[in-house]
Amino acid sequence: MSRTIVVVEDDESIREMLRYYFQSVGYAVRPYESGEAMFEGEGDQELPVLFILDIMLPGMDGLEILRRLRQGRNTAEVPVIMLTARSAEMDRVSGLENGADDYVVKPFGIMELQARVKAVLRRTQRRSDQVLTCGDLEIDPAAREVRKGGRPVELTFKEFELLKLLCTRRGVALTRDEILQTVWDYDYTGETRTVDMHVKALRQKLGEDVITTVRGVGYKMS
């Protein structure tokens, strides 16, 4: 699971405070001063576990960023916490109506924000335990079971994690390095050939057409 938080905040002091604090408790932080910079900078980056968006931003405001995230195929389910001014009640309402998971009113204490982050991520984890469906495949993360056409399929631990990753990122071409970093963690020192071997095993168990090879990139599920 990703341990990255994206922060979009134009106030440098707040942005740096959030970066420093969340890094100190084990998260990687990608900070941006504007929505435009965020969408340009995120590009092919691994999806974060959370977005923290200030509403009052120059150019594209936080509500517009939120709308775009919720319209995105890959970002629609990533939780979002909005940072709002104390007097901006309508902004808070608009944020929640447009899919924000929570909001924190400025000025805020860092421990209050951390508590909100933990609560949102707990809810997200419960959602991520729901059964995933990709074509005739059903993947149950909680039970760690896979069914194809209603019939159970036995997978190894890493085969299961690889299949779940490709299903949750369905339609996205993932590089072998991205897969290694996510499934085998960042410190894994094996060859990218390991990914190919596990994809081959999944194809043997689930069918050749389940995972597509993207030439020069890696793999995806359509």
Protein backbone atom coordinates (compact mmCIF):
# COMPACT_ATOMS: atom_id res chain seq x y z
CA MET A 1 0.00 0.00 0.00
CA SER A 2 1.23 3.49 -0.82
CA ARG A 3 2.64 5.58 2.03
CA THR A 4 2.57 8.86 0.11
CA ILE A 5 0.49 11.94 0.87
CA VAL A 6 0.03 14.71 -1.71
CA VAL A 7 -0.33 18.20 -0.21
CA VAL A 8 -1.56 21.17 -2.28
CA GLU A 9 -1.16 24.38 -0.27
CA ASP A 10 0.01 27.80 -1.48
CA ASP A 11 1.16 28.96 1.98
CA GLU A 12 4.78 27.81 2.08
CA SER A 13 4.96 27.72 5.89
CA ILE A 14 1.91 25.44 6.15
CA ARG A 15 3.10 23.31 3.23
CA GLU A 16 6.50 22.80 4.82
CA MET A 17 5.00 22.10 8.25
CA LEU A 18 2.82 19.36 6.77
CA ARG A 19 5.70 17.93 4.78
CA TYR A 20 7.99 17.84 7.79
CA TYR A 21 5.38 16.37 10.14
CA PHE A 22 4.09 13.60 7.89
CA GLN A 23 7.61 12.61 6.89
CA SER A 24 8.47 12.37 10.58
CA VAL A 25 5.68 9.82 11.11
CA GLY A 26 6.65 7.63 8.17
CA TYR A 27 4.94 9.06 5.09
CA ALA A 28 6.49 10.28 1.88
CA VAL A 29 5.09 13.71 0.98
CA ARG A 30 4.76 15.31 -2.45
CA PRO A 31 4.01 19.02 -1.82
CA TYR A 32 2.67 21.44 -4.45
CA GLU A 33 1.82 25.13 -4.33
CA SER A 34 -1.00 24.97 -6.89
CA GLY A 35 -3.40 22.59 -8.60
CA GLU A 36 -1.71 23.18 -11.93
CA ALA A 37 1.66 22.17 -10.47
CA MET A 38 0.10 19.07 -8.89
CA PHE A 39 -1.48 17.74 -12.07
CA GLU A 40 1.74 18.38 -13.98
CA GLY A 41 3.93 16.87 -11.28
CA GLU A 42 1.89 13.77 -10.51
CA GLY A 43 1.99 12.43 -14.06
CA ASP A 44 3.23 8.84 -13.83
CA GLN A 45 3.78 8.93 -10.07
CA GLU A 46 2.43 6.13 -7.90
CA LEU A 47 -1.03 6.98 -6.58
CA PRO A 48 -0.90 8.54 -3.11
CA VAL A 49 -2.80 7.17 -0.16
CA LEU A 50 -4.34 10.62 0.46
CA PHE A 51 -4.71 14.13 -0.99
CA ILE A 52 -4.75 17.15 1.34
CA LEU A 53 -6.09 20.17 -0.59
CA ASP A 54 -6.36 23.79 0.45
CA ILE A 55 -9.54 25.29 -0.98
CA MET A 56 -8.27 28.86 -1.42
CA LEU A 57 -5.57 28.52 -4.04
CA PRO A 58 -4.37 30.80 -6.83
CA GLY A 59 -5.65 29.73 -10.23
CA MET A 60 -7.35 26.36 -9.90
CA ASP A 61 -8.98 26.22 -6.46
CA GLY A 62 -9.24 23.15 -4.25
CA LEU A 63 -12.83 22.40 -5.25
CA GLU A 64 -11.87 22.24 -8.92
CA ILE A 65 -8.95 19.95 -8.08
CA LEU A 66 -11.37 17.75 -6.12
CA ARG A 67 -13.80 17.57 -9.04
CA ARG A 68 -11.03 16.54 -11.41
CA LEU A 69 -9.74 13.91 -9.02
CA ARG A 70 -13.20 12.41 -8.62
CA GLN A 71 -13.61 12.32 -12.41
CA GLY A 72 -10.28 10.55 -12.88
CA ARG A 73 -10.36 6.82 -13.40
CA ASN A 74 -7.41 6.19 -11.08
CA THR A 75 -7.99 8.93 -8.51
CA ALA A 76 -11.75 8.63 -8.04
CA GLU A 77 -11.40 6.47 -4.92
CA VAL A 78 -8.35 8.13 -3.33
CA PRO A 79 -9.45 9.92 -0.13
CA VAL A 80 -9.30 13.72 0.04
CA ILE A 81 -9.18 16.04 3.05
CA MET A 82 -9.93 19.72 2.41
CA LEU A 83 -8.36 22.61 4.32
CA THR A 84 -10.87 25.46 4.66
CA ALA A 85 -11.11 28.92 6.17
CA ARG A 86 -13.23 29.20 9.31
CA SER A 87 -15.80 31.44 7.59
CA ALA A 88 -16.10 29.36 4.40
CA GLU A 89 -19.09 27.19 5.36
CA MET A 90 -20.37 26.93 1.79
CA ASP A 91 -16.93 25.76 0.63
CA ARG A 92 -17.05 22.96 3.22
CA VAL A 93 -20.52 21.95 2.07
CA SER A 94 -19.44 22.04 -1.57
CA GLY A 95 -16.38 19.97 -0.78
CA LEU A 96 -18.38 17.24 0.93
CA GLU A 97 -21.01 17.26 -1.80
CA ASN A 98 -18.32 16.85 -4.45
CA GLY A 99 -16.73 13.86 -2.76
CA ALA A 100 -14.31 15.12 -0.11
CA ASP A 101 -13.88 12.62 2.71
CA ASP A 102 -13.36 15.23 5.44
CA TYR A 103 -12.33 18.82 6.03
CA VAL A 104 -10.20 20.64 8.58
CA VAL A 105 -10.75 24.29 9.45
CA LYS A 106 -7.81 26.72 9.54
CA PRO A 107 -6.07 27.45 11.81
CA PHE A 108 -5.72 23.85 12.88
CA GLY A 109 -3.51 21.86 15.21
CA ILE A 110 -1.28 19.25 13.60
CA MET A 111 -2.56 16.56 15.96
CA GLU A 112 -6.15 17.31 14.95
CA LEU A 113 -5.19 16.89 11.30
CA GLN A 114 -3.33 13.67 12.05
CA ALA A 115 -6.42 12.30 13.82
CA ARG A 116 -8.56 13.16 10.78
CA VAL A 117 -6.03 11.51 8.47
CA LYS A 118 -6.05 8.31 10.54
CA ALA A 119 -9.85 8.21 10.58
CA VAL A 120 -10.12 8.73 6.82
CA LEU A 121 -7.49 6.07 6.09
CA ARG A 122 -9.25 3.58 8.39
CA ARG A 123 -12.46 4.10 6.42
CA THR A 124 -10.56 3.76 3.16
CA GLN A 125 -8.95 0.52 4.31
CA ARG A 126 -12.37 -0.92 5.04
CA ARG A 127 -13.49 0.06 1.52
CA SER A 128 -10.38 -1.52 0.03
CA ASP A 129 -11.30 -4.81 1.70
CA GLN A 130 -14.42 -5.07 -0.45
CA VAL A 131 -14.51 -7.67 -3.20
CA LEU A 132 -12.94 -6.48 -6.48
CA THR A 133 -14.42 -7.52 -9.82
CA CYS A 134 -12.49 -7.60 -13.09
CA GLY A 135 -14.45 -9.34 -15.83
CA ASP A 136 -15.26 -12.82 -14.56
CA LEU A 137 -12.67 -12.52 -11.79
CA GLU A 138 -13.67 -11.87 -8.18
CA ILE A 139 -10.89 -10.89 -5.77
CA ASP A 140 -11.68 -10.87 -2.04
CA PRO A 141 -8.83 -9.03 -0.25
CA ALA A 142 -10.15 -9.79 3.24
CA ALA A 143 -10.45 -13.55 2.66
CA ARG A 144 -7.54 -13.56 0.18
CA GLU A 145 -9.61 -15.62 -2.23
CA VAL A 146 -9.89 -15.46 -6.02
CA ARG A 147 -12.69 -16.89 -8.13
CA LYS A 148 -12.83 -17.08 -11.90
CA GLY A 149 -16.28 -17.70 -13.29
CA GLY A 150 -17.37 -18.63 -9.78
CA ARG A 151 -14.67 -21.28 -9.34
CA PRO A 152 -11.89 -20.82 -6.74
CA VAL A 153 -8.32 -20.38 -7.97
CA GLU A 154 -5.33 -21.05 -5.72
CA LEU A 155 -2.69 -18.32 -5.85
CA THR A 156 0.53 -17.75 -3.96
CA PHE A 157 0.84 -14.68 -1.75
CA LYS A 158 2.72 -12.63 -4.36
CA GLU A 159 0.51 -13.82 -7.21
CA PHE A 160 -2.49 -12.59 -5.24
CA GLU A 161 -0.87 -9.21 -4.50
CA LEU A 162 0.12 -8.77 -8.15
CA LEU A 163 -3.36 -9.64 -9.39
CA LYS A 164 -4.97 -7.28 -6.88
CA LEU A 165 -2.65 -4.44 -7.92
CA LEU A 166 -3.42 -4.88 -11.62
CA CYS A 167 -7.16 -5.08 -10.91
CA THR A 168 -7.22 -1.96 -8.72
CA ARG A 169 -5.24 -0.09 -11.41
CA ARG A 170 -7.31 -1.59 -14.22
CA GLY A 171 -6.63 -0.01 -17.60
CA VAL A 172 -3.32 1.51 -16.47
CA ALA A 173 -0.06 0.20 -17.92
CA LEU A 174 2.28 -0.44 -15.01
CA THR A 175 6.03 -0.76 -15.48
CA ARG A 176 7.88 -3.72 -14.05
CA ASP A 177 9.67 -1.37 -11.66
CA GLU A 178 6.36 0.04 -10.41
CA ILE A 179 5.07 -3.47 -9.83
CA LEU A 180 8.25 -4.48 -8.01
CA GLN A 181 8.09 -1.41 -5.79
CA THR A 182 4.45 -2.00 -4.88
CA VAL A 183 4.26 -5.78 -4.56
CA TRP A 184 7.80 -6.58 -3.42
CA ASP A 185 8.37 -3.21 -1.61
CA TYR A 186 10.95 -0.53 -2.35
CA ASP A 187 13.90 -2.45 -0.92
CA TYR A 188 13.41 -5.53 -3.05
CA THR A 189 16.63 -6.31 -4.91
CA GLY A 190 15.39 -8.95 -7.38
CA GLU A 191 15.37 -8.75 -11.14
CA THR A 192 12.36 -7.43 -13.05
CA ARG A 193 12.25 -10.94 -14.53
CA THR A 194 10.49 -11.85 -11.27
CA VAL A 195 7.45 -9.89 -12.45
CA ASP A 196 7.43 -11.72 -15.79
CA MET A 197 7.53 -15.08 -14.02
CA HIS A 198 4.58 -14.19 -11.79
CA VAL A 199 2.56 -12.85 -14.73
CA LYS A 200 3.24 -16.12 -16.58
CA ALA A 201 2.00 -18.08 -13.56
CA LEU A 202 -1.17 -15.98 -13.35
CA ARG A 203 -1.86 -16.50 -17.05
CA GLN A 204 -1.48 -20.25 -16.62
CA LYS A 205 -4.00 -20.23 -13.78
CA LEU A 206 -6.44 -17.58 -15.05
CA GLY A 207 -6.08 -17.56 -18.83
CA GLU A 208 -3.73 -15.91 -21.30
CA ASP A 209 -6.05 -12.96 -21.95
CA VAL A 210 -6.37 -11.83 -18.32
CA ILE A 211 -3.19 -9.72 -18.30
CA THR A 212 -2.04 -7.74 -21.34
CA THR A 213 1.61 -7.09 -22.15
CA VAL A 214 2.24 -3.44 -23.05
CA ARG A 215 5.31 -3.47 -25.25
CA GLY A 216 8.13 -1.35 -23.91
CA VAL A 217 6.24 -0.60 -20.68
CA GLY A 218 4.97 -3.54 -18.66
CA TYR A 219 1.54 -5.00 -17.97
CA LYS A 220 -2.09 -4.04 -17.49
CA MET A 221 -5.57 -5.48 -17.06
CA SER A 222 -8.14 -4.14 -19.49
